[in-house]
C-alpha cells in the first residue's frame, strides 16, 4: 500500500477513519479477497483433520493417520488430492471474483 498517499490524505486534514475507510480499503480489497477465498477453502479441511485426531472423533483425520501408518498409498494420495482440490478450487473462486470486481484485470492492465 502506498504510504505517501495515506500521508498526503492525512496532511489534507482527512480524519484517520476517513483515510482508512475510503483511501486504504480499495487498495487492500484484492489482498483480503485473495486470502479469504483462496486459502480459507483448504484450511477447514486441515483444521478438521487435526481436531478429529486430537479429540478422537471418527472421521477423515484418524482414517488418514491410520492409512499413513499402514502405508496405504492410495488412501493417502486421495486425502492429499482432496485437500489440493479444495485449495485450488478456493484460489480459482478468488481469481474469478477478482476478475469480476477489479476492472484493471478485465482491461489487461494488472497491477503496476
N, C-alpha and C. Protein backbone atom coordinates (compact mmCIF):
# COMPACT_ATOMS: atom_id res chain seq x y z
N UNK A 1 0.84 -1.17 0.00
CA UNK A 1 0.00 0.00 0.00
C UNK A 1 0.89 1.23 0.00
N UNK A 2 0.47 2.23 -0.72
CA UNK A 2 1.27 3.44 -0.88
C UNK A 2 1.13 4.32 0.36
N UNK A 3 2.18 4.40 1.17
CA UNK A 3 2.10 5.17 2.40
C UNK A 3 2.13 6.67 2.14
N UNK A 4 2.73 7.09 1.02
CA UNK A 4 2.74 8.53 0.71
C UNK A 4 1.33 9.03 0.41
N UNK A 5 0.51 8.19 -0.22
CA UNK A 5 -0.87 8.57 -0.49
C UNK A 5 -1.64 8.77 0.82
N UNK A 6 -1.45 7.85 1.76
CA UNK A 6 -2.12 7.98 3.05
C UNK A 6 -1.60 9.18 3.82
N UNK A 7 -0.30 9.43 3.74
CA UNK A 7 0.29 10.59 4.41
C UNK A 7 -0.30 11.88 3.84
N UNK A 8 -0.42 11.96 2.52
CA UNK A 8 -0.99 13.16 1.89
C UNK A 8 -2.44 13.36 2.28
N UNK A 9 -3.20 12.28 2.38
CA UNK A 9 -4.60 12.40 2.80
C UNK A 9 -4.69 12.92 4.23
N UNK A 10 -3.81 12.45 5.10
CA UNK A 10 -3.83 12.93 6.48
C UNK A 10 -3.40 14.40 6.55
N UNK A 11 -2.45 14.80 5.71
CA UNK A 11 -1.98 16.18 5.72
C UNK A 11 -3.04 17.12 5.18
N UNK A 12 -3.95 16.62 4.33
CA UNK A 12 -5.03 17.47 3.82
C UNK A 12 -6.10 17.71 4.87
N UNK A 13 -6.02 16.98 5.98
CA UNK A 13 -6.96 17.19 7.06
C UNK A 13 -8.02 16.12 7.16
N UNK A 14 -7.91 15.07 6.40
CA UNK A 14 -8.87 13.99 6.47
C UNK A 14 -8.65 13.22 7.77
N UNK A 15 -9.74 12.87 8.43
CA UNK A 15 -9.63 12.12 9.67
C UNK A 15 -9.08 10.72 9.38
N UNK A 16 -8.56 10.09 10.43
CA UNK A 16 -7.98 8.76 10.27
C UNK A 16 -9.01 7.75 9.78
N UNK A 17 -10.23 7.86 10.29
CA UNK A 17 -11.28 6.95 9.87
C UNK A 17 -11.61 7.10 8.39
N UNK A 18 -11.61 8.33 7.92
CA UNK A 18 -11.86 8.57 6.51
C UNK A 18 -10.73 8.05 5.64
N UNK A 19 -9.51 8.22 6.10
CA UNK A 19 -8.36 7.71 5.35
C UNK A 19 -8.42 6.19 5.30
N UNK A 20 -8.72 5.58 6.44
CA UNK A 20 -8.75 4.12 6.49
C UNK A 20 -9.90 3.55 5.67
N UNK A 21 -11.05 4.18 5.72
CA UNK A 21 -12.22 3.62 5.04
C UNK A 21 -12.23 3.90 3.55
N UNK A 22 -11.90 5.11 3.15
CA UNK A 22 -12.10 5.50 1.76
C UNK A 22 -10.83 5.50 0.91
N UNK A 23 -9.68 5.56 1.54
CA UNK A 23 -8.44 5.59 0.77
C UNK A 23 -7.71 4.27 0.83
N UNK A 24 -7.60 3.68 2.01
CA UNK A 24 -6.80 2.46 2.16
C UNK A 24 -7.58 1.20 1.79
N UNK A 25 -8.88 1.18 2.01
CA UNK A 25 -9.66 -0.03 1.77
C UNK A 25 -9.65 -0.49 0.31
N UNK A 26 -9.79 0.38 -0.68
CA UNK A 26 -9.73 -0.13 -2.06
C UNK A 26 -8.40 -0.78 -2.41
N UNK A 27 -7.31 -0.34 -1.81
CA UNK A 27 -6.02 -0.96 -2.08
C UNK A 27 -5.92 -2.34 -1.45
N UNK A 28 -6.58 -2.52 -0.33
CA UNK A 28 -6.49 -3.78 0.39
C UNK A 28 -7.53 -4.80 -0.05
N UNK A 29 -8.49 -4.37 -0.86
CA UNK A 29 -9.59 -5.25 -1.23
C UNK A 29 -9.11 -6.51 -1.94
N UNK A 30 -8.19 -6.37 -2.86
CA UNK A 30 -7.71 -7.53 -3.61
C UNK A 30 -6.96 -8.51 -2.70
N UNK A 31 -6.14 -8.01 -1.81
CA UNK A 31 -5.38 -8.89 -0.93
C UNK A 31 -6.29 -9.62 0.04
N UNK A 32 -7.26 -8.90 0.59
CA UNK A 32 -8.18 -9.51 1.54
C UNK A 32 -9.03 -10.56 0.84
N UNK A 33 -9.51 -10.24 -0.34
CA UNK A 33 -10.34 -11.18 -1.07
C UNK A 33 -9.55 -12.43 -1.47
N UNK A 34 -8.31 -12.25 -1.87
CA UNK A 34 -7.49 -13.41 -2.23
C UNK A 34 -7.26 -14.30 -1.03
N UNK A 35 -7.01 -13.70 0.12
CA UNK A 35 -6.77 -14.51 1.32
C UNK A 35 -8.04 -15.21 1.77
N UNK A 36 -9.15 -14.46 1.83
CA UNK A 36 -10.37 -15.05 2.36
C UNK A 36 -10.88 -16.20 1.52
N UNK A 37 -10.85 -16.05 0.20
CA UNK A 37 -11.38 -17.10 -0.64
C UNK A 37 -10.32 -18.10 -1.08
N UNK A 38 -9.09 -17.65 -1.22
CA UNK A 38 -8.06 -18.54 -1.72
C UNK A 38 -7.60 -19.57 -0.72
N UNK A 39 -7.22 -19.12 0.44
CA UNK A 39 -6.65 -20.03 1.42
C UNK A 39 -7.67 -20.59 2.39
N UNK A 40 -8.80 -19.96 2.51
CA UNK A 40 -9.77 -20.39 3.51
C UNK A 40 -10.55 -21.63 3.11
N UNK A 41 -10.48 -22.05 1.85
CA UNK A 41 -11.19 -23.26 1.48
C UNK A 41 -10.41 -24.51 1.89
N UNK A 42 -9.10 -24.46 1.89
CA UNK A 42 -8.30 -25.60 2.31
C UNK A 42 -8.11 -25.68 3.81
N UNK A 43 -8.22 -24.56 4.50
CA UNK A 43 -7.99 -24.52 5.94
C UNK A 43 -9.00 -25.31 6.76
N UNK A 44 -10.31 -25.22 6.49
CA UNK A 44 -11.24 -26.02 7.31
C UNK A 44 -11.00 -27.52 7.21
N UNK A 45 -10.60 -27.99 6.05
CA UNK A 45 -10.31 -29.42 5.92
C UNK A 45 -9.11 -29.79 6.78
N UNK A 46 -8.05 -29.00 6.73
CA UNK A 46 -6.87 -29.28 7.54
C UNK A 46 -7.17 -29.16 9.03
N UNK A 47 -7.93 -28.15 9.39
CA UNK A 47 -8.27 -27.97 10.80
C UNK A 47 -9.16 -29.10 11.30
N UNK A 48 -10.08 -29.55 10.48
CA UNK A 48 -10.96 -30.64 10.92
C UNK A 48 -10.17 -31.93 11.08
N UNK A 49 -9.18 -32.14 10.23
CA UNK A 49 -8.35 -33.34 10.38
C UNK A 49 -7.61 -33.32 11.71
N UNK A 50 -7.05 -32.17 12.06
CA UNK A 50 -6.32 -32.04 13.32
C UNK A 50 -7.24 -32.19 14.52
N UNK A 51 -8.40 -31.56 14.47
CA UNK A 51 -9.34 -31.63 15.60
C UNK A 51 -9.86 -33.05 15.78
N UNK A 52 -10.13 -33.74 14.67
CA UNK A 52 -10.61 -35.12 14.78
C UNK A 52 -9.56 -36.02 15.40
N UNK A 53 -8.29 -35.78 15.10
CA UNK A 53 -7.24 -36.60 15.68
C UNK A 53 -7.07 -36.32 17.17
N UNK A 54 -7.05 -35.04 17.53
CA UNK A 54 -6.84 -34.67 18.92
C UNK A 54 -8.01 -35.09 19.80
N UNK A 55 -9.24 -34.90 19.31
CA UNK A 55 -10.42 -35.22 20.11
C UNK A 55 -10.87 -36.67 19.98
N UNK A 56 -10.18 -37.44 19.16
CA UNK A 56 -10.51 -38.85 18.91
C UNK A 56 -11.92 -39.01 18.35
N UNK A 57 -12.32 -38.09 17.51
CA UNK A 57 -13.60 -38.20 16.83
C UNK A 57 -13.42 -39.03 15.56
N UNK A 58 -14.40 -39.84 15.23
CA UNK A 58 -14.28 -40.58 13.98
C UNK A 58 -14.46 -39.64 12.78
N UNK A 59 -13.68 -39.86 11.78
CA UNK A 59 -13.77 -39.02 10.60
C UNK A 59 -12.60 -39.25 9.67
N UNK A 60 -12.34 -38.26 8.84
CA UNK A 60 -11.29 -38.37 7.84
C UNK A 60 -9.90 -38.28 8.46
N UNK A 61 -9.74 -37.54 9.54
CA UNK A 61 -8.43 -37.36 10.17
C UNK A 61 -7.82 -38.66 10.68
N UNK A 62 -8.51 -39.37 11.57
CA UNK A 62 -7.95 -40.65 12.04
C UNK A 62 -7.80 -41.68 10.91
N UNK A 63 -8.71 -41.61 9.95
CA UNK A 63 -8.62 -42.52 8.81
C UNK A 63 -7.33 -42.29 8.02
N UNK A 64 -6.98 -41.02 7.81
CA UNK A 64 -5.74 -40.72 7.09
C UNK A 64 -4.50 -41.06 7.92
N UNK A 65 -4.56 -40.85 9.21
CA UNK A 65 -3.42 -41.20 10.06
C UNK A 65 -3.20 -42.71 10.05
N UNK A 66 -4.29 -43.47 10.13
CA UNK A 66 -4.16 -44.93 10.06
C UNK A 66 -3.62 -45.36 8.69
N UNK A 67 -4.05 -44.68 7.65
CA UNK A 67 -3.56 -45.01 6.31
C UNK A 67 -2.07 -44.69 6.17
N UNK A 68 -1.64 -43.59 6.78
CA UNK A 68 -0.21 -43.24 6.73
C UNK A 68 0.61 -44.27 7.49
N UNK A 69 0.13 -44.65 8.68
CA UNK A 69 0.87 -45.64 9.48
C UNK A 69 0.87 -47.02 8.83
N UNK A 70 -0.21 -47.36 8.12
CA UNK A 70 -0.29 -48.65 7.44
C UNK A 70 0.33 -48.59 6.05
N UNK A 71 0.80 -47.42 5.65
CA UNK A 71 1.39 -47.19 4.33
C UNK A 71 0.45 -47.56 3.20
N UNK A 72 -0.81 -47.17 3.39
CA UNK A 72 -1.83 -47.37 2.35
C UNK A 72 -1.74 -46.17 1.40
N UNK A 73 -1.00 -46.34 0.35
CA UNK A 73 -0.64 -45.24 -0.55
C UNK A 73 -1.86 -44.62 -1.22
N UNK A 74 -2.81 -45.43 -1.61
CA UNK A 74 -3.97 -44.91 -2.35
C UNK A 74 -4.84 -44.00 -1.49
N UNK A 75 -5.01 -44.35 -0.25
CA UNK A 75 -5.82 -43.52 0.65
C UNK A 75 -5.09 -42.22 0.97
N UNK A 76 -3.78 -42.28 1.15
CA UNK A 76 -3.00 -41.07 1.45
C UNK A 76 -3.03 -40.13 0.24
N UNK A 77 -2.85 -40.68 -0.95
CA UNK A 77 -2.89 -39.85 -2.15
C UNK A 77 -4.28 -39.24 -2.34
N UNK A 78 -5.33 -39.99 -2.04
CA UNK A 78 -6.69 -39.46 -2.15
C UNK A 78 -6.91 -38.31 -1.16
N UNK A 79 -6.40 -38.45 0.06
CA UNK A 79 -6.54 -37.37 1.05
C UNK A 79 -5.78 -36.13 0.65
N UNK A 80 -4.57 -36.30 0.13
CA UNK A 80 -3.79 -35.15 -0.32
C UNK A 80 -4.45 -34.51 -1.54
N UNK A 81 -4.98 -35.33 -2.43
CA UNK A 81 -5.66 -34.81 -3.62
C UNK A 81 -6.91 -34.04 -3.25
N UNK A 82 -7.66 -34.54 -2.26
CA UNK A 82 -8.85 -33.83 -1.81
C UNK A 82 -8.50 -32.47 -1.22
N UNK A 83 -7.46 -32.42 -0.41
CA UNK A 83 -7.01 -31.15 0.16
C UNK A 83 -6.54 -30.19 -0.94
N UNK A 84 -5.84 -30.73 -1.93
CA UNK A 84 -5.35 -29.91 -3.03
C UNK A 84 -6.50 -29.36 -3.87
N UNK A 85 -7.51 -30.17 -4.10
CA UNK A 85 -8.67 -29.72 -4.87
C UNK A 85 -9.37 -28.58 -4.16
N UNK A 86 -9.51 -28.68 -2.83
CA UNK A 86 -10.12 -27.58 -2.08
C UNK A 86 -9.29 -26.31 -2.18
N UNK A 87 -7.98 -26.43 -2.07
CA UNK A 87 -7.11 -25.25 -2.13
C UNK A 87 -7.13 -24.62 -3.52
N UNK A 88 -7.02 -25.43 -4.55
CA UNK A 88 -7.02 -24.90 -5.93
C UNK A 88 -8.40 -24.34 -6.28
N UNK A 89 -9.45 -25.02 -5.84
CA UNK A 89 -10.81 -24.51 -6.08
C UNK A 89 -11.04 -23.16 -5.40
N UNK A 90 -10.55 -23.01 -4.18
CA UNK A 90 -10.68 -21.72 -3.50
C UNK A 90 -9.90 -20.62 -4.20
N UNK A 91 -8.71 -20.94 -4.68
CA UNK A 91 -7.93 -19.94 -5.43
C UNK A 91 -8.60 -19.59 -6.75
N UNK A 92 -9.22 -20.56 -7.40
CA UNK A 92 -9.94 -20.29 -8.65
C UNK A 92 -11.13 -19.38 -8.40
N UNK A 93 -11.87 -19.64 -7.34
CA UNK A 93 -13.00 -18.78 -7.00
C UNK A 93 -12.51 -17.37 -6.67
N UNK A 94 -11.41 -17.26 -5.94
CA UNK A 94 -10.86 -15.94 -5.61
C UNK A 94 -10.44 -15.20 -6.88
N UNK A 95 -9.81 -15.89 -7.81
CA UNK A 95 -9.39 -15.24 -9.06
C UNK A 95 -10.58 -14.81 -9.89
N UNK A 96 -11.62 -15.63 -9.94
CA UNK A 96 -12.82 -15.25 -10.69
C UNK A 96 -13.52 -14.05 -10.06
N UNK A 97 -13.55 -14.02 -8.72
CA UNK A 97 -14.14 -12.85 -8.05
C UNK A 97 -13.30 -11.59 -8.27
N UNK A 98 -11.99 -11.73 -8.27
CA UNK A 98 -11.13 -10.58 -8.55
C UNK A 98 -11.33 -10.08 -9.98
N UNK A 99 -11.50 -10.99 -10.91
CA UNK A 99 -11.75 -10.61 -12.30
C UNK A 99 -13.06 -9.86 -12.41
N UNK A 100 -14.06 -10.28 -11.62
CA UNK A 100 -15.37 -9.64 -11.67
C UNK A 100 -15.35 -8.27 -10.97
N UNK A 101 -14.59 -8.14 -9.89
CA UNK A 101 -14.59 -6.91 -9.09
C UNK A 101 -13.65 -5.85 -9.64
N UNK A 102 -12.45 -6.24 -10.06
CA UNK A 102 -11.41 -5.27 -10.42
C UNK A 102 -11.42 -5.00 -11.93
N UNK A 103 -11.74 -3.79 -12.35
CA UNK A 103 -11.77 -3.50 -13.79
C UNK A 103 -10.39 -3.50 -14.43
N UNK A 104 -9.33 -3.32 -13.64
CA UNK A 104 -7.98 -3.32 -14.21
C UNK A 104 -7.61 -4.70 -14.74
N UNK A 105 -8.09 -5.75 -14.11
CA UNK A 105 -7.78 -7.09 -14.57
C UNK A 105 -8.53 -7.38 -15.87
N UNK A 106 -9.79 -6.91 -15.96
CA UNK A 106 -10.54 -7.12 -17.20
C UNK A 106 -9.94 -6.37 -18.36
N UNK A 107 -9.35 -5.21 -18.09
CA UNK A 107 -8.75 -4.41 -19.16
C UNK A 107 -7.35 -4.91 -19.52
N UNK A 108 -6.81 -5.82 -18.74
CA UNK A 108 -5.48 -6.38 -19.03
C UNK A 108 -4.36 -5.51 -18.52
N UNK A 109 -4.65 -4.56 -17.64
CA UNK A 109 -3.61 -3.67 -17.13
C UNK A 109 -2.85 -4.31 -15.97
N UNK A 110 -3.55 -5.08 -15.14
CA UNK A 110 -2.90 -5.71 -13.99
C UNK A 110 -2.44 -4.68 -12.97
N UNK A 111 -1.65 -5.12 -12.03
CA UNK A 111 -1.11 -4.20 -11.04
C UNK A 111 0.28 -3.76 -11.49
N UNK A 112 0.55 -2.50 -11.32
CA UNK A 112 1.83 -1.95 -11.78
C UNK A 112 2.70 -1.61 -10.63
